[in-house]
Amino acid sequence: MLEELVGQAVVVDLRSPFVCLGTLRQFDDTWLDMRFADFHDLRDTHTTRELYVAEARATGVKRNRKRLLLARADVVGIALLDDVLYG
């Protein structure tokens, strides 16, 4: 299933108060390799996770990492950025 997301912009929801938006480059059993990612700590803002992601879809991902490895054990969800509903 993750194979079809490689090379595409995705949203990765984590167990912690972090969310990651970026391009999934590759993955293995332990890591997700993200490129040109926005690794965002939701404690730094007063907005909800859902609103932050919807705004990023509408206005563009604010990249702050060229490369980021995310531990798959911390992931609770992953979706195409294009599948995020906003409006």
PDB file of N, CA and C in Angstrom:
ATOM      1  N   MET A   1       0.806  -1.202   0.000  1.00  0.00           N
ATOM      2  CA  MET A   1       0.000   0.000   0.000  1.00  0.00           C
ATOM      3  C   MET A   1       0.845   1.260   0.000  1.00  0.00           C
ATOM      4  N   LEU A   2       1.926   1.279   0.779  1.00  0.00           N
ATOM      5  CA  LEU A   2       2.771   2.472   0.783  1.00  0.00           C
ATOM      6  C   LEU A   2       3.452   2.693  -0.556  1.00  0.00           C
ATOM      7  N   GLU A   3       3.641   1.626  -1.321  1.00  0.00           N
ATOM      8  CA  GLU A   3       4.312   1.747  -2.614  1.00  0.00           C
ATOM      9  C   GLU A   3       3.639   2.792  -3.498  1.00  0.00           C
ATOM     10  N   GLU A   4       2.318   2.853  -3.453  1.00  0.00           N
ATOM     11  CA  GLU A   4       1.600   3.785  -4.318  1.00  0.00           C
ATOM     12  C   GLU A   4       1.730   5.238  -3.863  1.00  0.00           C
ATOM     13  N   LEU A   5       2.270   5.466  -2.666  1.00  0.00           N
ATOM     14  CA  LEU A   5       2.452   6.828  -2.160  1.00  0.00           C
ATOM     15  C   LEU A   5       3.860   7.376  -2.422  1.00  0.00           C
ATOM     16  N   VAL A   6       4.787   6.510  -2.800  1.00  0.00           N
ATOM     17  CA  VAL A   6       6.170   6.938  -3.038  1.00  0.00           C
ATOM     18  C   VAL A   6       6.204   7.964  -4.169  1.00  0.00           C
ATOM     19  N   GLY A   7       6.942   9.055  -3.925  1.00  0.00           N
ATOM     20  CA  GLY A   7       7.072  10.122  -4.907  1.00  0.00           C
ATOM     21  C   GLY A   7       5.962  11.151  -4.849  1.00  0.00           C
ATOM     22  N   GLN A   8       5.042  10.986  -3.912  1.00  0.00           N
ATOM     23  CA  GLN A   8       3.911  11.900  -3.813  1.00  0.00           C
ATOM     24  C   GLN A   8       3.937  12.674  -2.492  1.00  0.00           C
ATOM     25  N   ALA A   9       3.256  13.800  -2.483  1.00  0.00           N
ATOM     26  CA  ALA A   9       3.119  14.606  -1.270  1.00  0.00           C
ATOM     27  C   ALA A   9       2.131  13.926  -0.337  1.00  0.00           C
ATOM     28  N   VAL A  10       2.561  13.713   0.907  1.00  0.00           N
ATOM     29  CA  VAL A  10       1.728  13.018   1.885  1.00  0.00           C
ATOM     30  C   VAL A  10       1.682  13.796   3.196  1.00  0.00           C
ATOM     31  N   VAL A  11       0.696  13.426   4.007  1.00  0.00           N
ATOM     32  CA  VAL A  11       0.549  13.910   5.373  1.00  0.00           C
ATOM     33  C   VAL A  11       0.762  12.704   6.275  1.00  0.00           C
ATOM     34  N   VAL A  12       1.679  12.834   7.231  1.00  0.00           N
ATOM     35  CA  VAL A  12       1.940  11.754   8.170  1.00  0.00           C
ATOM     36  C   VAL A  12       1.555  12.249   9.562  1.00  0.00           C
ATOM     37  N   ASP A  13       0.534  11.620  10.137  1.00  0.00           N
ATOM     38  CA  ASP A  13       0.114  11.937  11.498  1.00  0.00           C
ATOM     39  C   ASP A  13       0.868  11.026  12.453  1.00  0.00           C
ATOM     40  N   LEU A  14       1.418  11.626  13.504  1.00  0.00           N
ATOM     41  CA  LEU A  14       2.222  10.891  14.474  1.00  0.00           C
ATOM     42  C   LEU A  14       1.520  10.825  15.818  1.00  0.00           C
ATOM     43  N   ARG A  15       1.936   9.875  16.656  1.00  0.00           N
ATOM     44  CA  ARG A  15       1.365   9.723  18.000  1.00  0.00           C
ATOM     45  C   ARG A  15       1.594  10.970  18.854  1.00  0.00           C
ATOM     46  N   SER A  16       2.678  11.633  18.606  1.00  0.00           N
ATOM     47  CA  SER A  16       3.048  12.832  19.346  1.00  0.00           C
ATOM     48  C   SER A  16       2.305  14.044  18.777  1.00  0.00           C
ATOM     49  N   PRO A  17       2.526  15.223  19.349  1.00  0.00           N
ATOM     50  CA  PRO A  17       1.875  16.422  18.802  1.00  0.00           C
ATOM     51  C   PRO A  17       2.613  16.973  17.570  1.00  0.00           C
ATOM     52  N   PHE A  18       3.169  16.090  16.759  1.00  0.00           N
ATOM     53  CA  PHE A  18       3.838  16.482  15.529  1.00  0.00           C
ATOM     54  C   PHE A  18       3.050  15.956  14.343  1.00  0.00           C
ATOM     55  N   VAL A  19       3.154  16.678  13.244  1.00  0.00           N
ATOM     56  CA  VAL A  19       2.610  16.234  11.967  1.00  0.00           C
ATOM     57  C   VAL A  19       3.679  16.537  10.921  1.00  0.00           C
ATOM     58  N   CYS A  20       3.767  15.697   9.915  1.00  0.00           N
ATOM     59  CA  CYS A  20       4.767  15.883   8.871  1.00  0.00           C
ATOM     60  C   CYS A  20       4.077  15.898   7.516  1.00  0.00           C
ATOM     61  N   LEU A  21       4.422  16.887   6.714  1.00  0.00           N
ATOM     62  CA  LEU A  21       3.933  16.990   5.347  1.00  0.00           C
ATOM     63  C   LEU A  21       5.149  17.026   4.440  1.00  0.00           C
ATOM     64  N   GLY A  22       5.138  16.242   3.394  1.00  0.00           N
ATOM     65  CA  GLY A  22       6.273  16.237   2.477  1.00  0.00           C
ATOM     66  C   GLY A  22       6.142  15.121   1.462  1.00  0.00           C
ATOM     67  N   THR A  23       7.217  14.896   0.720  1.00  0.00           N
ATOM     68  CA  THR A  23       7.240  13.867  -0.305  1.00  0.00           C
ATOM     69  C   THR A  23       7.837  12.595   0.266  1.00  0.00           C
ATOM     70  N   LEU A  24       7.094  11.508   0.148  1.00  0.00           N
ATOM     71  CA  LEU A  24       7.599  10.211   0.592  1.00  0.00           C
ATOM     72  C   LEU A  24       8.552   9.689  -0.471  1.00  0.00           C
ATOM     73  N   ARG A  25       9.824   9.568  -0.115  1.00  0.00           N
ATOM     74  CA  ARG A  25      10.824   9.116  -1.079  1.00  0.00           C
ATOM     75  C   ARG A  25      10.938   7.609  -1.093  1.00  0.00           C
ATOM     76  N   GLN A  26      11.026   7.021   0.097  1.00  0.00           N
ATOM     77  CA  GLN A  26      11.111   5.569   0.213  1.00  0.00           C
ATOM     78  C   GLN A  26      10.761   5.172   1.637  1.00  0.00           C
ATOM     79  N   PHE A  27      10.699   3.872   1.875  1.00  0.00           N
ATOM     80  CA  PHE A  27      10.364   3.374   3.202  1.00  0.00           C
ATOM     81  C   PHE A  27      10.927   1.971   3.360  1.00  0.00           C
ATOM     82  N   ASP A  28      11.062   1.570   4.614  1.00  0.00           N
ATOM     83  CA  ASP A  28      11.377   0.181   4.927  1.00  0.00           C
ATOM     84  C   ASP A  28      10.569  -0.198   6.159  1.00  0.00           C
ATOM     85  N   ASP A  29      10.910  -1.280   6.804  1.00  0.00           N
ATOM     86  CA  ASP A  29      10.131  -1.736   7.952  1.00  0.00           C
ATOM     87  C   ASP A  29      10.214  -0.792   9.143  1.00  0.00           C
ATOM     88  N   THR A  30      11.249   0.052   9.188  1.00  0.00           N
ATOM     89  CA  THR A  30      11.486   0.905  10.349  1.00  0.00           C
ATOM     90  C   THR A  30      11.250   2.388  10.086  1.00  0.00           C
ATOM     91  N   TRP A  31      11.566   2.853   8.885  1.00  0.00           N
ATOM     92  CA  TRP A  31      11.599   4.287   8.604  1.00  0.00           C
ATOM     93  C   TRP A  31      10.760   4.675   7.401  1.00  0.00           C
ATOM     94  N   LEU A  32      10.266   5.928   7.437  1.00  0.00           N
ATOM     95  CA  LEU A  32       9.741   6.614   6.261  1.00  0.00           C
ATOM     96  C   LEU A  32      10.762   7.681   5.921  1.00  0.00           C
ATOM     97  N   ASP A  33      11.227   7.717   4.693  1.00  0.00           N
ATOM     98  CA  ASP A  33      12.199   8.704   4.232  1.00  0.00           C
ATOM     99  C   ASP A  33      11.431   9.808   3.525  1.00  0.00           C
ATOM    100  N   MET A  34      11.370  10.971   4.166  1.00  0.00           N
ATOM    101  CA  MET A  34      10.619  12.109   3.644  1.00  0.00           C
ATOM    102  C   MET A  34      11.586  13.153   3.085  1.00  0.00           C
ATOM    103  N   ARG A  35      11.177  13.816   2.021  1.00  0.00           N
ATOM    104  CA  ARG A  35      11.979  14.882   1.420  1.00  0.00           C
ATOM    105  C   ARG A  35      11.160  16.168   1.372  1.00  0.00           C
ATOM    106  N   PHE A  36      11.891  17.286   1.477  1.00  0.00           N
ATOM    107  CA  PHE A  36      11.284  18.616   1.428  1.00  0.00           C
ATOM    108  C   PHE A  36      10.031  18.661   2.292  1.00  0.00           C
ATOM    109  N   ALA A  37      10.247  18.379   3.569  1.00  0.00           N
ATOM    110  CA  ALA A  37       9.150  18.175   4.506  1.00  0.00           C
ATOM    111  C   ALA A  37       8.951  19.364   5.431  1.00  0.00           C
ATOM    112  N   ASP A  38       7.732  19.475   5.901  1.00  0.00           N
ATOM    113  CA  ASP A  38       7.363  20.385   6.978  1.00  0.00           C
ATOM    114  C   ASP A  38       7.117  19.499   8.197  1.00  0.00           C
ATOM    115  N   PHE A  39       8.048  19.527   9.137  1.00  0.00           N
ATOM    116  CA  PHE A  39       7.919  18.776  10.384  1.00  0.00           C
ATOM    117  C   PHE A  39       7.433  19.775  11.417  1.00  0.00           C
ATOM    118  N   HIS A  40       6.161  19.694  11.763  1.00  0.00           N
ATOM    119  CA  HIS A  40       5.512  20.751  12.546  1.00  0.00           C
ATOM    120  C   HIS A  40       5.097  20.264  13.927  1.00  0.00           C
ATOM    121  N   ASP A  41       5.498  21.011  14.939  1.00  0.00           N
ATOM    122  CA  ASP A  41       5.095  20.763  16.323  1.00  0.00           C
ATOM    123  C   ASP A  41       3.826  21.562  16.577  1.00  0.00           C
ATOM    124  N   LEU A  42       2.734  20.872  16.770  1.00  0.00           N
ATOM    125  CA  LEU A  42       1.442  21.546  16.943  1.00  0.00           C
ATOM    126  C   LEU A  42       1.351  22.333  18.247  1.00  0.00           C
ATOM    127  N   ARG A  43       2.293  22.108  19.160  1.00  0.00           N
ATOM    128  CA  ARG A  43       2.303  22.901  20.393  1.00  0.00           C
ATOM    129  C   ARG A  43       2.770  24.329  20.134  1.00  0.00           C
ATOM    130  N   ASP A  44       3.343  24.572  18.951  1.00  0.00           N
ATOM    131  CA  ASP A  44       3.833  25.902  18.587  1.00  0.00           C
ATOM    132  C   ASP A  44       2.754  26.796  17.989  1.00  0.00           C
ATOM    133  N   THR A  45       1.538  26.304  17.901  1.00  0.00           N
ATOM    134  CA  THR A  45       0.462  27.056  17.276  1.00  0.00           C
ATOM    135  C   THR A  45      -0.844  26.815  18.037  1.00  0.00           C
ATOM    136  N   HIS A  46      -1.797  27.668  17.816  1.00  0.00           N
ATOM    137  CA  HIS A  46      -3.094  27.524  18.470  1.00  0.00           C
ATOM    138  C   HIS A  46      -4.112  26.825  17.578  1.00  0.00           C
ATOM    139  N   THR A  47      -3.684  26.383  16.409  1.00  0.00           N
ATOM    140  CA  THR A  47      -4.603  25.742  15.476  1.00  0.00           C
ATOM    141  C   THR A  47      -4.643  24.226  15.718  1.00  0.00           C
ATOM    142  N   THR A  48      -5.673  23.600  15.218  1.00  0.00           N
ATOM    143  CA  THR A  48      -5.784  22.147  15.333  1.00  0.00           C
ATOM    144  C   THR A  48      -4.954  21.473  14.243  1.00  0.00           C
ATOM    145  N   ARG A  49      -4.704  20.201  14.416  1.00  0.00           N
ATOM    146  CA  ARG A  49      -3.986  19.407  13.416  1.00  0.00           C
ATOM    147  C   ARG A  49      -4.726  19.476  12.068  1.00  0.00           C
ATOM    148  N   GLU A  50      -6.023  19.284  12.115  1.00  0.00           N
ATOM    149  CA  GLU A  50      -6.814  19.258  10.891  1.00  0.00           C
ATOM    150  C   GLU A  50      -6.761  20.594  10.147  1.00  0.00           C
ATOM    151  N   LEU A  51      -6.891  21.689  10.892  1.00  0.00           N
ATOM    152  CA  LEU A  51      -6.843  23.004  10.270  1.00  0.00           C
ATOM    153  C   LEU A  51      -5.451  23.307   9.712  1.00  0.00           C
ATOM    154  N   TYR A  52      -4.406  22.944  10.447  1.00  0.00           N
ATOM    155  CA  TYR A  52      -3.040  23.176   9.969  1.00  0.00           C
ATOM    156  C   TYR A  52      -2.808  22.460   8.638  1.00  0.00           C
ATOM    157  N   VAL A  53      -3.211  21.191   8.571  1.00  0.00           N
ATOM    158  CA  VAL A  53      -3.007  20.406   7.360  1.00  0.00           C
ATOM    159  C   VAL A  53      -3.852  20.958   6.217  1.00  0.00           C
ATOM    160  N   ALA A  54      -5.094  21.320   6.475  1.00  0.00           N
ATOM    161  CA  ALA A  54      -5.955  21.883   5.434  1.00  0.00           C
ATOM    162  C   ALA A  54      -5.386  23.199   4.903  1.00  0.00           C
ATOM    163  N   GLU A  55      -4.856  24.028   5.788  1.00  0.00           N
ATOM    164  CA  GLU A  55      -4.252  25.291   5.349  1.00  0.00           C
ATOM    165  C   GLU A  55      -3.003  25.033   4.513  1.00  0.00           C
ATOM    166  N   ALA A  56      -2.225  24.026   4.892  1.00  0.00           N
ATOM    167  CA  ALA A  56      -1.032  23.685   4.115  1.00  0.00           C
ATOM    168  C   ALA A  56      -1.419  23.201   2.725  1.00  0.00           C
ATOM    169  N   ARG A  57      -2.495  22.467   2.639  1.00  0.00           N
ATOM    170  CA  ARG A  57      -2.961  22.015   1.315  1.00  0.00           C
ATOM    171  C   ARG A  57      -3.382  23.214   0.478  1.00  0.00           C
ATOM    172  N   ALA A  58      -4.056  24.169   1.100  1.00  0.00           N
ATOM    173  CA  ALA A  58      -4.556  25.336   0.369  1.00  0.00           C
ATOM    174  C   ALA A  58      -3.445  26.307  -0.023  1.00  0.00           C
ATOM    175  N   THR A  59      -2.448  26.491   0.853  1.00  0.00           N
ATOM    176  CA  THR A  59      -1.435  27.521   0.616  1.00  0.00           C
ATOM    177  C   THR A  59      -0.053  26.973   0.259  1.00  0.00           C
ATOM    178  N   GLY A  60       0.123  25.668   0.422  1.00  0.00           N
ATOM    179  CA  GLY A  60       1.413  25.047   0.115  1.00  0.00           C
ATOM    180  C   GLY A  60       2.142  24.627   1.384  1.00  0.00           C
ATOM    181  N   VAL A  61       2.956  23.597   1.242  1.00  0.00           N
ATOM    182  CA  VAL A  61       3.732  23.062   2.356  1.00  0.00           C
ATOM    183  C   VAL A  61       4.899  24.003   2.654  1.00  0.00           C
ATOM    184  N   LYS A  62       5.039  24.372   3.916  1.00  0.00           N
ATOM    185  CA  LYS A  62       6.131  25.247   4.352  1.00  0.00           C
ATOM    186  C   LYS A  62       7.313  24.376   4.761  1.00  0.00           C
ATOM    187  N   ARG A  63       8.155  24.066   3.822  1.00  0.00           N
ATOM    188  CA  ARG A  63       9.253  23.122   4.023  1.00  0.00           C
ATOM    189  C   ARG A  63      10.278  23.651   5.017  1.00  0.00           C
ATOM    190  N   ASN A  64      10.681  22.791   5.948  1.00  0.00           N
ATOM    191  CA  ASN A  64      11.747  23.159   6.881  1.00  0.00           C
ATOM    192  C   ASN A  64      12.793  22.052   7.042  1.00  0.00           C
ATOM    193  N   ARG A  65      12.681  20.994   6.245  1.00  0.00           N
ATOM    194  CA  ARG A  65      13.657  19.904   6.238  1.00  0.00           C
ATOM    195  C   ARG A  65      13.862  19.424   4.804  1.00  0.00           C
ATOM    196  N   LYS A  66      15.142  19.297   4.383  1.00  0.00           N
ATOM    197  CA  LYS A  66      15.430  18.687   3.080  1.00  0.00           C
ATOM    198  C   LYS A  66      15.160  17.201   3.123  1.00  0.00           C
ATOM    199  N   ARG A  67      15.575  16.581   4.222  1.00  0.00           N
ATOM    200  CA  ARG A  67      15.370  15.141   4.399  1.00  0.00           C
ATOM    201  C   ARG A  67      15.019  14.879   5.849  1.00  0.00           C
ATOM    202  N   LEU A  68      14.087  13.957   6.051  1.00  0.00           N
ATOM    203  CA  LEU A  68      13.635  13.614   7.397  1.00  0.00           C
ATOM    204  C   LEU A  68      13.292  12.135   7.423  1.00  0.00           C
ATOM    205  N   LEU A  69      13.805  11.426   8.423  1.00  0.00           N
ATOM    206  CA  LEU A  69      13.450  10.027   8.631  1.00  0.00           C
ATOM    207  C   LEU A  69      12.464   9.963   9.781  1.00  0.00           C
ATOM    208  N   LEU A  70      11.312   9.367   9.527  1.00  0.00           N
ATOM    209  CA  LEU A  70      10.284   9.208  10.548  1.00  0.00           C
ATOM    210  C   LEU A  70      10.206   7.738  10.942  1.00  0.00           C
ATOM    211  N   ALA A  71      10.168   7.479  12.239  1.00  0.00           N
ATOM    212  CA  ALA A  71      10.026   6.111  12.723  1.00  0.00           C
ATOM    213  C   ALA A  71       8.603   5.623  12.442  1.00  0.00           C
ATOM    214  N   ARG A  72       8.476   4.523  11.733  1.00  0.00           N
ATOM    215  CA  ARG A  72       7.143   4.008  11.395  1.00  0.00           C
ATOM    216  C   ARG A  72       6.355   3.632  12.642  1.00  0.00           C
ATOM    217  N   ALA A  73       7.049   3.268  13.721  1.00  0.00           N
ATOM    218  CA  ALA A  73       6.360   2.893  14.963  1.00  0.00           C
ATOM    219  C   ALA A  73       5.582   4.064  15.550  1.00  0.00           C
ATOM    220  N   ASP A  74       5.945   5.299  15.191  1.00  0.00           N
ATOM    221  CA  ASP A  74       5.276   6.494  15.713  1.00  0.00           C
ATOM    222  C   ASP A  74       4.138   6.982  14.822  1.00  0.00           C
ATOM    223  N   VAL A  75       3.969   6.367  13.672  1.00  0.00           N
ATOM    224  CA  VAL A  75       2.966   6.805  12.695  1.00  0.00           C
ATOM    225  C   VAL A  75       1.604   6.220  13.040  1.00  0.00           C
ATOM    226  N   VAL A  76       0.589   7.073  13.043  1.00  0.00           N
ATOM    227  CA  VAL A  76      -0.789   6.604  13.238  1.00  0.00           C
ATOM    228  C   VAL A  76      -1.611   6.712  11.961  1.00  0.00           C
ATOM    229  N   GLY A  77      -1.135   7.497  11.005  1.00  0.00           N
ATOM    230  CA  GLY A  77      -1.858   7.629   9.755  1.00  0.00           C
ATOM    231  C   GLY A  77      -1.024   8.302   8.690  1.00  0.00           C
ATOM    232  N   ILE A  78      -1.290   7.944   7.444  1.00  0.00           N
ATOM    233  CA  ILE A  78      -0.620   8.584   6.308  1.00  0.00           C
ATOM    234  C   ILE A  78      -1.630   8.690   5.173  1.00  0.00           C
ATOM    235  N   ALA A  79      -1.641   9.845   4.515  1.00  0.00           N
ATOM    236  CA  ALA A  79      -2.592  10.079   3.422  1.00  0.00           C
ATOM    237  C   ALA A  79      -1.950  10.984   2.385  1.00  0.00           C
ATOM    238  N   LEU A  80      -2.443  10.893   1.182  1.00  0.00           N
ATOM    239  CA  LEU A  80      -2.017  11.837   0.156  1.00  0.00           C
ATOM    240  C   LEU A  80      -2.461  13.240   0.565  1.00  0.00           C
ATOM    241  N   LEU A  81      -1.602  14.210   0.368  1.00  0.00           N
ATOM    242  CA  LEU A  81      -1.984  15.587   0.657  1.00  0.00           C
ATOM    243  C   LEU A  81      -3.193  15.987  -0.187  1.00  0.00           C
ATOM    244  N   ASP A  82      -3.259  15.490  -1.415  1.00  0.00           N
ATOM    245  CA  ASP A  82      -4.391  15.800  -2.289  1.00  0.00           C
ATOM    246  C   ASP A  82      -5.712  15.236  -1.776  1.00  0.00           C
ATOM    247  N   ASP A  83      -5.640  14.269  -0.860  1.00  0.00           N
ATOM    248  CA  ASP A  83      -6.877  13.686  -0.300  1.00  0.00           C
ATOM    249  C   ASP A  83      -7.397  14.455   0.909  1.00  0.00           C
ATOM    250  N   VAL A  84      -6.657  15.465   1.358  1.00  0.00           N
ATOM    251  CA  VAL A  84      -7.100  16.282   2.483  1.00  0.00           C
ATOM    252  C   VAL A  84      -8.241  17.178   2.018  1.00  0.00           C
ATOM    253  N   LEU A  85      -9.324  17.152   2.769  1.00  0.00           N
ATOM    254  CA  LEU A  85     -10.481  17.980   2.451  1.00  0.00           C
ATOM    255  C   LEU A  85     -10.372  19.311   3.159  1.00  0.00           C
ATOM    256  N   TYR A  86     -10.677  20.350   2.461  1.00  0.00           N
ATOM    257  CA  TYR A  86     -10.677  21.688   3.055  1.00  0.00           C
ATOM    258  C   TYR A  86     -11.770  22.493   2.380  1.00  0.00           C
ATOM    259  N   GLY A  87     -12.062  23.596   2.971  1.00  0.00           N
ATOM    260  CA  GLY A  87     -13.063  24.386   2.305  1.00  0.00           C
ATOM    261  C   GLY A  87     -13.766  25.242   3.225  1.00  0.00           C
TER     262      GLY A  87
END
